[in-house]
Amino acid sequence: MFDCEYDFCEKFSCWLLKKYKNINLMASGIPFLKAKRIADLILLNGDNLIAYEIKTARDDLRRIDGQIMDYLLTFDYFYLVLDKKFKKEIARFEDKRIGIILHDCGKFALIKKPLKNKPSSFCRALLLSRSSAQKLAKNKKNVFEMYNFISKNFSQKEIKKKLIEDLKEAYLECFEAFKNERDFFLLKNRFYLKELA
């Protein structure tokens, strides 16, 4: 059992590293939808952007429906990581695009794999760093116009390629340090968070 969310997240991140050998990048506390939401954990596996919403024993599920909707609009795959406290709630998440991982007595178990999402181009574009967005939408001054222009004039593939470049630039060094030291705090790049918001 874990005393706090930090320990829970650290153990979960280490579990992911052992389970999936093709992880290219992992980061925590990533703002998305222009900081409307914060992803507890994201990872890049191949070219798939996967998000995890973590609910520990100290959490509740009051806002989960809205959170899930926003994750599904933004990421390729989405997993809900639930403490055993929520075991009876699992049936509620019947959408096939929602993966479920259950934490019970210090162990994580994959309950349900998600189907791949079809993210919104606009929501995906909102994940780009401000500097990348400004380069892609050269003459647009208004933030909404800038991201709208990108979503309408660039393919999902082009947006995703640029997004992966941004994330690697911001978080790859942190991820490499985490792989060696296994300290969850290293998965955050606090200098870059302002750029994404």
N, C-alpha and C. Protein backbone atom coordinates (compact mmCIF):
# COMPACT_ATOMS: atom_id res chain seq x y z
N MET A 1 0.84 -1.18 0.00
CA MET A 1 0.00 0.00 0.00
C MET A 1 0.89 1.25 0.00
N PHE A 2 0.37 2.30 -0.60
CA PHE A 2 1.16 3.51 -0.74
C PHE A 2 0.57 4.62 0.12
N ASP A 3 1.45 5.42 0.68
CA ASP A 3 1.02 6.47 1.59
C ASP A 3 0.48 7.69 0.87
N CYS A 4 0.92 7.91 -0.35
CA CYS A 4 0.46 9.12 -1.04
C CYS A 4 0.41 8.89 -2.55
N GLU A 5 -0.19 9.85 -3.22
CA GLU A 5 -0.34 9.76 -4.67
C GLU A 5 1.01 9.71 -5.38
N TYR A 6 1.98 10.43 -4.85
CA TYR A 6 3.32 10.45 -5.45
C TYR A 6 3.89 9.03 -5.52
N ASP A 7 3.82 8.30 -4.42
CA ASP A 7 4.34 6.93 -4.38
C ASP A 7 3.57 6.03 -5.34
N PHE A 8 2.25 6.22 -5.37
CA PHE A 8 1.40 5.44 -6.27
C PHE A 8 1.85 5.65 -7.72
N CYS A 9 2.01 6.92 -8.10
CA CYS A 9 2.41 7.26 -9.47
C CYS A 9 3.81 6.74 -9.79
N GLU A 10 4.71 6.84 -8.84
CA GLU A 10 6.06 6.34 -9.07
C GLU A 10 6.06 4.83 -9.29
N LYS A 11 5.34 4.10 -8.46
CA LYS A 11 5.24 2.63 -8.61
C LYS A 11 4.57 2.27 -9.93
N PHE A 12 3.54 3.02 -10.29
CA PHE A 12 2.84 2.75 -11.55
C PHE A 12 3.77 3.00 -12.74
N SER A 13 4.52 4.08 -12.71
CA SER A 13 5.46 4.40 -13.80
C SER A 13 6.51 3.31 -13.96
N CYS A 14 7.01 2.82 -12.85
CA CYS A 14 8.00 1.73 -12.90
C CYS A 14 7.37 0.45 -13.44
N TRP A 15 6.11 0.19 -13.07
CA TRP A 15 5.39 -0.98 -13.59
C TRP A 15 5.25 -0.89 -15.12
N LEU A 16 4.93 0.31 -15.62
CA LEU A 16 4.81 0.51 -17.06
C LEU A 16 6.14 0.24 -17.77
N LEU A 17 7.24 0.72 -17.19
CA LEU A 17 8.56 0.50 -17.80
C LEU A 17 8.89 -0.98 -17.90
N LYS A 18 8.50 -1.75 -16.91
CA LYS A 18 8.76 -3.19 -16.94
C LYS A 18 7.85 -3.89 -17.94
N LYS A 19 6.60 -3.45 -18.02
CA LYS A 19 5.60 -4.11 -18.86
C LYS A 19 5.80 -3.82 -20.35
N TYR A 20 6.14 -2.58 -20.68
CA TYR A 20 6.25 -2.16 -22.08
C TYR A 20 7.70 -1.78 -22.39
N LYS A 21 8.32 -2.51 -23.27
CA LYS A 21 9.74 -2.30 -23.58
C LYS A 21 9.96 -1.22 -24.64
N ASN A 22 8.91 -0.80 -25.35
CA ASN A 22 9.07 0.16 -26.45
C ASN A 22 8.71 1.59 -26.07
N ILE A 23 8.74 1.92 -24.81
CA ILE A 23 8.39 3.28 -24.40
C ILE A 23 9.51 4.23 -24.81
N ASN A 24 9.15 5.23 -25.61
CA ASN A 24 10.11 6.23 -26.09
C ASN A 24 10.19 7.43 -25.16
N LEU A 25 9.11 7.66 -24.41
CA LEU A 25 9.01 8.88 -23.61
C LEU A 25 7.92 8.69 -22.57
N MET A 26 8.13 9.29 -21.40
CA MET A 26 7.11 9.30 -20.36
C MET A 26 7.21 10.66 -19.68
N ALA A 27 6.05 11.25 -19.34
CA ALA A 27 6.04 12.55 -18.67
C ALA A 27 4.80 12.64 -17.79
N SER A 28 4.88 13.47 -16.76
CA SER A 28 3.73 13.61 -15.86
C SER A 28 3.31 15.07 -15.73
N GLY A 29 2.05 15.25 -15.33
CA GLY A 29 1.53 16.59 -15.09
C GLY A 29 1.47 17.45 -16.34
N ILE A 30 1.09 16.86 -17.46
CA ILE A 30 1.07 17.58 -18.74
C ILE A 30 -0.27 18.29 -18.92
N PRO A 31 -0.24 19.62 -19.05
CA PRO A 31 -1.50 20.33 -19.31
C PRO A 31 -1.95 20.08 -20.75
N PHE A 32 -3.26 19.92 -20.92
CA PHE A 32 -3.79 19.80 -22.27
C PHE A 32 -5.10 20.55 -22.35
N LEU A 33 -5.57 20.77 -23.58
CA LEU A 33 -6.72 21.65 -23.84
C LEU A 33 -6.48 23.03 -23.23
N LYS A 34 -5.30 23.55 -23.48
CA LYS A 34 -4.86 24.86 -22.99
C LYS A 34 -5.03 24.97 -21.47
N ALA A 35 -4.56 23.94 -20.78
CA ALA A 35 -4.51 23.85 -19.32
C ALA A 35 -5.88 23.67 -18.66
N LYS A 36 -6.90 23.34 -19.45
CA LYS A 36 -8.20 22.99 -18.86
C LYS A 36 -8.05 21.71 -18.05
N ARG A 37 -7.19 20.81 -18.52
CA ARG A 37 -6.96 19.52 -17.87
C ARG A 37 -5.46 19.29 -17.69
N ILE A 38 -5.14 18.41 -16.76
CA ILE A 38 -3.76 17.99 -16.54
C ILE A 38 -3.73 16.46 -16.62
N ALA A 39 -2.92 15.92 -17.53
CA ALA A 39 -2.78 14.47 -17.65
C ALA A 39 -1.83 14.00 -16.55
N ASP A 40 -2.28 13.02 -15.77
CA ASP A 40 -1.43 12.50 -14.70
C ASP A 40 -0.15 11.91 -15.26
N LEU A 41 -0.27 11.19 -16.36
CA LEU A 41 0.89 10.56 -16.97
C LEU A 41 0.61 10.37 -18.45
N ILE A 42 1.60 10.66 -19.29
CA ILE A 42 1.50 10.32 -20.71
C ILE A 42 2.75 9.54 -21.08
N LEU A 43 2.60 8.72 -22.09
CA LEU A 43 3.78 8.07 -22.63
C LEU A 43 3.65 7.94 -24.12
N LEU A 44 4.80 7.82 -24.75
CA LEU A 44 4.89 7.63 -26.18
C LEU A 44 5.43 6.22 -26.37
N ASN A 45 4.62 5.36 -27.00
CA ASN A 45 5.01 3.98 -27.27
C ASN A 45 4.94 3.82 -28.78
N GLY A 46 6.11 3.74 -29.43
CA GLY A 46 6.13 3.82 -30.88
C GLY A 46 5.72 5.23 -31.25
N ASP A 47 4.66 5.36 -32.07
CA ASP A 47 4.15 6.71 -32.36
C ASP A 47 2.77 6.91 -31.75
N ASN A 48 2.40 6.09 -30.77
CA ASN A 48 1.12 6.23 -30.08
C ASN A 48 1.28 7.04 -28.81
N LEU A 49 0.45 8.06 -28.69
CA LEU A 49 0.44 8.91 -27.51
C LEU A 49 -0.64 8.38 -26.56
N ILE A 50 -0.22 7.91 -25.40
CA ILE A 50 -1.10 7.23 -24.45
C ILE A 50 -1.19 8.06 -23.18
N ALA A 51 -2.41 8.28 -22.70
CA ALA A 51 -2.62 9.06 -21.48
C ALA A 51 -3.22 8.18 -20.39
N TYR A 52 -2.85 8.52 -19.14
CA TYR A 52 -3.33 7.79 -17.97
C TYR A 52 -3.91 8.78 -16.97
N GLU A 53 -5.13 8.54 -16.55
CA GLU A 53 -5.75 9.29 -15.45
C GLU A 53 -5.72 8.37 -14.25
N ILE A 54 -5.08 8.81 -13.18
CA ILE A 54 -4.86 7.98 -12.00
C ILE A 54 -5.80 8.40 -10.88
N LYS A 55 -6.52 7.42 -10.34
CA LYS A 55 -7.43 7.66 -9.22
C LYS A 55 -7.00 6.78 -8.05
N THR A 56 -6.41 7.41 -7.04
CA THR A 56 -5.95 6.68 -5.85
C THR A 56 -7.10 6.55 -4.86
N ALA A 57 -6.84 5.90 -3.74
CA ALA A 57 -7.86 5.72 -2.70
C ALA A 57 -8.33 7.06 -2.13
N ARG A 58 -7.52 8.08 -2.26
CA ARG A 58 -7.89 9.41 -1.74
C ARG A 58 -8.76 10.21 -2.71
N ASP A 59 -8.92 9.72 -3.91
CA ASP A 59 -9.70 10.43 -4.93
C ASP A 59 -11.17 10.02 -4.91
N ASP A 60 -11.94 10.73 -5.73
CA ASP A 60 -13.33 10.33 -6.00
C ASP A 60 -13.52 10.41 -7.51
N LEU A 61 -14.69 10.04 -7.97
CA LEU A 61 -14.95 10.01 -9.42
C LEU A 61 -15.93 11.10 -9.87
N ARG A 62 -16.06 12.16 -9.10
CA ARG A 62 -17.01 13.24 -9.42
C ARG A 62 -16.83 13.81 -10.82
N ARG A 63 -15.61 14.09 -11.21
CA ARG A 63 -15.35 14.78 -12.48
C ARG A 63 -14.93 13.84 -13.60
N ILE A 64 -14.96 12.55 -13.35
CA ILE A 64 -14.34 11.60 -14.28
C ILE A 64 -14.96 11.60 -15.68
N ASP A 65 -16.27 11.77 -15.79
CA ASP A 65 -16.90 11.72 -17.11
C ASP A 65 -16.37 12.82 -18.03
N GLY A 66 -16.26 14.04 -17.52
CA GLY A 66 -15.70 15.14 -18.32
C GLY A 66 -14.23 14.93 -18.62
N GLN A 67 -13.49 14.42 -17.65
CA GLN A 67 -12.07 14.15 -17.87
C GLN A 67 -11.89 13.12 -18.99
N ILE A 68 -12.66 12.04 -18.93
CA ILE A 68 -12.56 10.99 -19.95
C ILE A 68 -12.84 11.56 -21.33
N MET A 69 -13.90 12.35 -21.46
CA MET A 69 -14.26 12.93 -22.75
C MET A 69 -13.09 13.74 -23.32
N ASP A 70 -12.44 14.54 -22.48
CA ASP A 70 -11.33 15.37 -22.94
C ASP A 70 -10.10 14.53 -23.31
N TYR A 71 -9.83 13.49 -22.55
CA TYR A 71 -8.72 12.59 -22.92
C TYR A 71 -9.00 11.94 -24.28
N LEU A 72 -10.23 11.50 -24.49
CA LEU A 72 -10.56 10.82 -25.74
C LEU A 72 -10.48 11.77 -26.94
N LEU A 73 -10.68 13.05 -26.73
CA LEU A 73 -10.56 14.04 -27.80
C LEU A 73 -9.11 14.34 -28.16
N THR A 74 -8.18 13.97 -27.28
CA THR A 74 -6.81 14.44 -27.41
C THR A 74 -5.76 13.36 -27.67
N PHE A 75 -5.92 12.18 -27.08
CA PHE A 75 -4.87 11.16 -27.11
C PHE A 75 -5.27 9.94 -27.93
N ASP A 76 -4.27 9.19 -28.41
CA ASP A 76 -4.51 7.98 -29.21
C ASP A 76 -5.13 6.87 -28.37
N TYR A 77 -4.64 6.71 -27.17
CA TYR A 77 -5.15 5.70 -26.25
C TYR A 77 -5.32 6.33 -24.87
N PHE A 78 -6.29 5.80 -24.12
CA PHE A 78 -6.55 6.32 -22.78
C PHE A 78 -6.80 5.18 -21.80
N TYR A 79 -6.13 5.27 -20.65
CA TYR A 79 -6.32 4.31 -19.57
C TYR A 79 -6.74 5.03 -18.30
N LEU A 80 -7.65 4.42 -17.60
CA LEU A 80 -8.06 4.85 -16.27
C LEU A 80 -7.40 3.89 -15.29
N VAL A 81 -6.58 4.43 -14.40
CA VAL A 81 -5.88 3.62 -13.41
C VAL A 81 -6.60 3.82 -12.08
N LEU A 82 -7.21 2.75 -11.59
CA LEU A 82 -8.09 2.84 -10.42
C LEU A 82 -7.57 2.06 -9.23
N ASP A 83 -7.69 2.65 -8.06
CA ASP A 83 -7.44 1.93 -6.83
C ASP A 83 -8.57 0.92 -6.63
N LYS A 84 -8.30 -0.14 -5.87
CA LYS A 84 -9.30 -1.19 -5.63
C LYS A 84 -10.59 -0.63 -5.02
N LYS A 85 -10.51 0.53 -4.39
CA LYS A 85 -11.69 1.20 -3.83
C LYS A 85 -12.78 1.37 -4.90
N PHE A 86 -12.37 1.50 -6.16
CA PHE A 86 -13.31 1.75 -7.26
C PHE A 86 -13.66 0.49 -8.05
N LYS A 87 -13.32 -0.66 -7.55
CA LYS A 87 -13.51 -1.92 -8.28
C LYS A 87 -14.96 -2.10 -8.75
N LYS A 88 -15.92 -1.73 -7.91
CA LYS A 88 -17.34 -1.89 -8.26
C LYS A 88 -17.78 -0.91 -9.35
N GLU A 89 -16.98 0.11 -9.59
CA GLU A 89 -17.31 1.13 -10.59
C GLU A 89 -16.84 0.75 -11.99
N ILE A 90 -16.01 -0.27 -12.12
CA ILE A 90 -15.40 -0.61 -13.41
C ILE A 90 -16.43 -0.82 -14.51
N ALA A 91 -17.53 -1.50 -14.21
CA ALA A 91 -18.56 -1.77 -15.22
C ALA A 91 -19.13 -0.49 -15.82
N ARG A 92 -19.07 0.57 -15.07
CA ARG A 92 -19.57 1.88 -15.53
C ARG A 92 -18.81 2.38 -16.76
N PHE A 93 -17.56 1.98 -16.90
CA PHE A 93 -16.71 2.47 -17.98
C PHE A 93 -16.72 1.48 -19.14
N GLU A 94 -17.87 1.36 -19.79
CA GLU A 94 -18.04 0.35 -20.84
C GLU A 94 -17.54 0.80 -22.21
N ASP A 95 -17.29 2.09 -22.40
CA ASP A 95 -16.77 2.59 -23.68
C ASP A 95 -15.49 1.82 -24.01
N LYS A 96 -15.44 1.26 -25.20
CA LYS A 96 -14.30 0.41 -25.59
C LYS A 96 -13.00 1.19 -25.77
N ARG A 97 -13.11 2.52 -25.82
CA ARG A 97 -11.91 3.35 -25.96
C ARG A 97 -11.24 3.62 -24.60
N ILE A 98 -11.84 3.14 -23.53
CA ILE A 98 -11.29 3.34 -22.19
C ILE A 98 -10.62 2.06 -21.71
N GLY A 99 -9.32 2.13 -21.47
CA GLY A 99 -8.61 1.00 -20.87
C GLY A 99 -8.68 1.12 -19.35
N ILE A 100 -8.65 -0.01 -18.67
CA ILE A 100 -8.74 -0.01 -17.21
C ILE A 100 -7.56 -0.79 -16.63
N ILE A 101 -6.88 -0.16 -15.68
CA ILE A 101 -5.83 -0.82 -14.90
C ILE A 101 -6.23 -0.69 -13.44
N LEU A 102 -6.21 -1.80 -12.71
CA LEU A 102 -6.63 -1.81 -11.31
C LEU A 102 -5.42 -2.00 -10.41
N HIS A 103 -5.39 -1.20 -9.34
CA HIS A 103 -4.34 -1.34 -8.33
C HIS A 103 -4.94 -1.98 -7.09
N ASP A 104 -4.33 -3.08 -6.67
CA ASP A 104 -4.84 -3.80 -5.50
C ASP A 104 -3.66 -4.40 -4.74
N CYS A 105 -3.52 -4.01 -3.49
CA CYS A 105 -2.46 -4.56 -2.60
C CYS A 105 -1.06 -4.44 -3.21
N GLY A 106 -0.75 -3.27 -3.76
CA GLY A 106 0.59 -3.03 -4.28
C GLY A 106 0.85 -3.56 -5.68
N LYS A 107 -0.14 -4.16 -6.32
CA LYS A 107 0.03 -4.71 -7.67
C LYS A 107 -0.93 -4.04 -8.64
N PHE A 108 -0.46 -3.92 -9.88
CA PHE A 108 -1.28 -3.37 -10.95
C PHE A 108 -1.68 -4.50 -11.88
N ALA A 109 -2.93 -4.47 -12.32
CA ALA A 109 -3.42 -5.51 -13.24
C ALA A 109 -4.19 -4.84 -14.38
N LEU A 110 -3.86 -5.23 -15.60
CA LEU A 110 -4.59 -4.74 -16.77
C LEU A 110 -5.93 -5.47 -16.82
N ILE A 111 -7.01 -4.73 -16.70
CA ILE A 111 -8.36 -5.29 -16.71
C ILE A 111 -8.94 -5.25 -18.12
N LYS A 112 -8.71 -4.12 -18.81
CA LYS A 112 -9.29 -3.95 -20.14
C LYS A 112 -8.37 -3.09 -21.00
N LYS A 113 -8.06 -3.56 -22.21
CA LYS A 113 -7.29 -2.77 -23.17
C LYS A 113 -8.24 -1.84 -23.92
N PRO A 114 -7.78 -0.63 -24.22
CA PRO A 114 -8.64 0.29 -24.98
C PRO A 114 -8.48 0.11 -26.48
N LEU A 115 -9.51 0.48 -27.20
CA LEU A 115 -9.39 0.61 -28.65
C LEU A 115 -8.75 1.96 -28.94
N LYS A 116 -8.15 2.09 -30.11
CA LYS A 116 -7.51 3.35 -30.49
C LYS A 116 -8.57 4.42 -30.72
N ASN A 117 -8.28 5.63 -30.23
CA ASN A 117 -9.17 6.79 -30.42
C ASN A 117 -8.89 7.46 -31.75
N LYS A 118 -9.79 8.32 -32.14
CA LYS A 118 -9.58 9.21 -33.28
C LYS A 118 -9.64 10.63 -32.72
N PRO A 119 -8.49 11.14 -32.25
CA PRO A 119 -8.49 12.46 -31.62
C PRO A 119 -8.92 13.58 -32.57
N SER A 120 -9.45 14.63 -32.00
CA SER A 120 -9.80 15.82 -32.75
C SER A 120 -8.52 16.54 -33.16
N SER A 121 -8.46 16.98 -34.42
CA SER A 121 -7.28 17.71 -34.90
C SER A 121 -7.05 18.98 -34.08
N PHE A 122 -8.15 19.66 -33.75
CA PHE A 122 -8.04 20.90 -32.98
C PHE A 122 -7.49 20.61 -31.58
N CYS A 123 -8.05 19.62 -30.90
CA CYS A 123 -7.58 19.28 -29.55
C CYS A 123 -6.13 18.81 -29.57
N ARG A 124 -5.77 18.05 -30.59
CA ARG A 124 -4.39 17.59 -30.73
C ARG A 124 -3.47 18.78 -30.96
N ALA A 125 -3.89 19.72 -31.80
CA ALA A 125 -3.08 20.92 -32.07
C ALA A 125 -2.85 21.72 -30.79
N LEU A 126 -3.84 21.73 -29.89
CA LEU A 126 -3.69 22.47 -28.64
C LEU A 126 -2.57 21.93 -27.75
N LEU A 127 -2.12 20.71 -28.01
CA LEU A 127 -1.00 20.14 -27.25
C LEU A 127 0.35 20.67 -27.71
N LEU A 128 0.39 21.25 -28.90
CA LEU A 128 1.66 21.80 -29.40
C LEU A 128 2.14 22.93 -28.50
N SER A 129 3.45 23.07 -28.41
CA SER A 129 3.99 24.20 -27.66
C SER A 129 3.61 25.49 -28.37
N ARG A 130 3.56 26.56 -27.63
CA ARG A 130 3.21 27.85 -28.20
C ARG A 130 4.17 28.24 -29.31
N SER A 131 5.46 28.01 -29.11
CA SER A 131 6.45 28.40 -30.13
C SER A 131 6.27 27.59 -31.41
N SER A 132 5.97 26.30 -31.29
CA SER A 132 5.72 25.48 -32.49
C SER A 132 4.46 25.94 -33.21
N ALA A 133 3.43 26.23 -32.44
CA ALA A 133 2.17 26.69 -33.03
C ALA A 133 2.38 28.01 -33.77
N GLN A 134 3.15 28.91 -33.18
CA GLN A 134 3.41 30.20 -33.83
C GLN A 134 4.19 30.02 -35.13
N LYS A 135 5.09 29.07 -35.18
CA LYS A 135 5.84 28.81 -36.41
C LYS A 135 4.94 28.23 -37.50
N LEU A 136 4.03 27.35 -37.11
CA LEU A 136 3.13 26.72 -38.09
C LEU A 136 2.06 27.68 -38.59
N ALA A 137 1.58 28.55 -37.72
CA ALA A 137 0.51 29.51 -38.08
C ALA A 137 1.11 30.91 -38.05
N LYS A 138 2.00 31.17 -38.98
CA LYS A 138 2.86 32.36 -38.98
C LYS A 138 2.15 33.70 -38.73
N ASN A 139 1.08 33.97 -39.43
CA ASN A 139 0.48 35.30 -39.38
C ASN A 139 -0.70 35.42 -38.43
N LYS A 140 -0.99 34.39 -37.69
CA LYS A 140 -2.15 34.43 -36.79
C LYS A 140 -1.73 34.98 -35.44
N LYS A 141 -2.45 35.97 -34.96
CA LYS A 141 -2.13 36.62 -33.68
C LYS A 141 -2.96 36.02 -32.54
N ASN A 142 -4.24 35.82 -32.79
CA ASN A 142 -5.15 35.29 -31.79
C ASN A 142 -4.86 33.80 -31.57
N VAL A 143 -4.85 33.37 -30.31
CA VAL A 143 -4.52 31.97 -29.98
C VAL A 143 -5.51 31.01 -30.63
N PHE A 144 -6.80 31.31 -30.54
CA PHE A 144 -7.81 30.43 -31.14
C PHE A 144 -7.58 30.31 -32.65
N GLU A 145 -7.35 31.44 -33.32
CA GLU A 145 -7.10 31.44 -34.77
C GLU A 145 -5.87 30.60 -35.12
N MET A 146 -4.85 30.72 -34.30
CA MET A 146 -3.60 30.01 -34.54
C MET A 146 -3.83 28.49 -34.52
N TYR A 147 -4.46 27.98 -33.47
CA TYR A 147 -4.68 26.53 -33.36
C TYR A 147 -5.75 26.05 -34.34
N ASN A 148 -6.72 26.88 -34.63
CA ASN A 148 -7.74 26.53 -35.62
C ASN A 148 -7.10 26.41 -37.00
N PHE A 149 -6.22 27.35 -37.33
CA PHE A 149 -5.50 27.32 -38.61
C PHE A 149 -4.70 26.02 -38.73
N ILE A 150 -3.99 25.66 -37.69
CA ILE A 150 -3.18 24.43 -37.70
C ILE A 150 -4.07 23.21 -37.92
N SER A 151 -5.17 23.13 -37.19
CA SER A 151 -6.05 21.95 -37.29
C SER A 151 -6.69 21.83 -38.67
N LYS A 152 -6.88 22.94 -39.35
CA LYS A 152 -7.53 22.92 -40.67
C LYS A 152 -6.53 22.78 -41.83
N ASN A 153 -5.27 23.19 -41.61
CA ASN A 153 -4.30 23.22 -42.70
C ASN A 153 -3.18 22.18 -42.61
N PHE A 154 -3.15 21.43 -41.54
CA PHE A 154 -2.16 20.37 -41.37
C PHE A 154 -2.87 19.07 -41.07
N SER A 155 -2.33 17.98 -41.58
CA SER A 155 -2.94 16.67 -41.33
C SER A 155 -2.69 16.24 -39.88
N GLN A 156 -3.48 15.28 -39.43
CA GLN A 156 -3.27 14.70 -38.09
C GLN A 156 -1.83 14.19 -37.98
N LYS A 157 -1.36 13.57 -39.05
CA LYS A 157 0.00 13.00 -39.05
C LYS A 157 1.05 14.10 -38.87
N GLU A 158 0.87 15.23 -39.57
CA GLU A 158 1.83 16.34 -39.46
C GLU A 158 1.79 16.96 -38.06
N ILE A 159 0.58 17.13 -37.53
CA ILE A 159 0.43 17.70 -36.18
C ILE A 159 1.09 16.77 -35.16
N LYS A 160 0.83 15.48 -35.30
CA LYS A 160 1.38 14.51 -34.35
C LYS A 160 2.91 14.47 -34.43
N LYS A 161 3.45 14.55 -35.63
CA LYS A 161 4.91 14.55 -35.79
C LYS A 161 5.53 15.74 -35.04
N LYS A 162 4.94 16.91 -35.21
CA LYS A 162 5.45 18.11 -34.54
C LYS A 162 5.28 17.99 -33.03
N LEU A 163 4.14 17.45 -32.61
CA LEU A 163 3.88 17.27 -31.18
C LEU A 163 4.92 16.33 -30.55
N ILE A 164 5.22 15.25 -31.23
CA ILE A 164 6.21 14.30 -30.71
C ILE A 164 7.58 14.99 -30.60
N GLU A 165 7.92 15.81 -31.59
CA GLU A 165 9.18 16.57 -31.51
C GLU A 165 9.19 17.48 -30.29
N ASP A 166 8.08 18.19 -30.07
CA ASP A 166 7.97 19.08 -28.90
C ASP A 166 8.14 18.32 -27.59
N LEU A 167 7.43 17.20 -27.48
CA LEU A 167 7.47 16.43 -26.24
C LEU A 167 8.86 15.85 -25.99
N LYS A 168 9.50 15.38 -27.04
CA LYS A 168 10.86 14.84 -26.88
C LYS A 168 11.83 15.94 -26.47
N GLU A 169 11.69 17.10 -27.10
CA GLU A 169 12.57 18.22 -26.75
C GLU A 169 12.40 18.59 -25.27
N ALA A 170 11.18 18.56 -24.80
CA ALA A 170 10.90 19.00 -23.44
C ALA A 170 11.13 17.92 -22.38
N TYR A 171 10.87 16.66 -22.71
CA TYR A 171 10.81 15.64 -21.66
C TYR A 171 11.76 14.46 -21.82
N LEU A 172 12.43 14.32 -22.95
CA LEU A 172 13.27 13.14 -23.15
C LEU A 172 14.39 13.04 -22.12
N GLU A 173 15.04 14.15 -21.84
CA GLU A 173 16.11 14.15 -20.85
C GLU A 173 15.58 13.75 -19.47
N CYS A 174 14.41 14.25 -19.12
CA CYS A 174 13.78 13.90 -17.84
C CYS A 174 13.45 12.41 -17.79
N PHE A 175 12.94 11.89 -18.90
CA PHE A 175 12.58 10.47 -18.97
C PHE A 175 13.82 9.58 -18.83
N GLU A 176 14.90 9.95 -19.50
CA GLU A 176 16.14 9.17 -19.40
C GLU A 176 16.64 9.15 -17.95
N ALA A 177 16.55 10.29 -17.27
CA ALA A 177 16.96 10.34 -15.86
C ALA A 177 16.05 9.46 -15.00
N PHE A 178 14.75 9.48 -15.30
CA PHE A 178 13.80 8.63 -14.55
C PHE A 178 14.12 7.15 -14.73
N LYS A 179 14.46 6.75 -15.94
CA LYS A 179 14.78 5.34 -16.19
C LYS A 179 15.95 4.88 -15.33
N ASN A 180 16.89 5.77 -15.08
CA ASN A 180 18.06 5.42 -14.27
C ASN A 180 17.79 5.52 -12.77
N GLU A 181 17.08 6.56 -12.36
CA GLU A 181 16.92 6.83 -10.93
C GLU A 181 15.58 6.41 -10.34
N ARG A 182 14.56 6.20 -11.19
CA ARG A 182 13.22 5.76 -10.75
C ARG A 182 12.58 6.73 -9.75
N ASP A 183 12.81 8.02 -9.94
CA ASP A 183 12.19 9.05 -9.11
C ASP A 183 11.13 9.75 -9.94
N PHE A 184 9.87 9.60 -9.56
CA PHE A 184 8.74 10.12 -10.33
C PHE A 184 8.85 11.63 -10.57
N PHE A 185 9.41 12.35 -9.63
CA PHE A 185 9.56 13.80 -9.76
C PHE A 185 10.30 14.17 -11.04
N LEU A 186 11.19 13.31 -11.50
CA LEU A 186 11.99 13.59 -12.71
C LEU A 186 11.15 13.62 -13.98
N LEU A 187 9.94 13.08 -13.96
CA LEU A 187 9.11 13.04 -15.16
C LEU A 187 8.44 14.38 -15.47
N LYS A 188 8.65 15.36 -14.63
CA LYS A 188 8.09 16.69 -14.88
C LYS A 188 9.20 17.62 -15.33
N ASN A 189 8.92 18.40 -16.35
CA ASN A 189 9.83 19.45 -16.78
C ASN A 189 9.12 20.75 -16.48
N ARG A 190 9.37 21.30 -15.33
CA ARG A 190 8.62 22.48 -14.87
C ARG A 190 8.86 23.71 -15.76
N PHE A 191 10.01 23.78 -16.41
CA PHE A 191 10.28 24.92 -17.28
C PHE A 191 9.40 24.89 -18.52
N TYR A 192 9.07 23.70 -18.98
CA TYR A 192 8.30 23.55 -20.21
C TYR A 192 6.79 23.68 -19.98
N LEU A 193 6.33 23.46 -18.76
CA LEU A 193 4.89 23.49 -18.50
C LEU A 193 4.27 24.84 -18.87
N LYS A 194 4.98 25.93 -18.63
CA LYS A 194 4.47 27.26 -18.99
C LYS A 194 4.29 27.38 -20.50
N GLU A 195 5.19 26.76 -21.24
CA GLU A 195 5.15 26.81 -22.71
C GLU A 195 3.91 26.10 -23.25
N LEU A 196 3.48 25.02 -22.58
CA LEU A 196 2.33 24.26 -23.05
C LEU A 196 1.00 24.89 -22.64
N ALA A 197 0.99 25.62 -21.56
CA ALA A 197 -0.28 26.16 -21.03
C ALA A 197 -0.82 27.28 -21.88
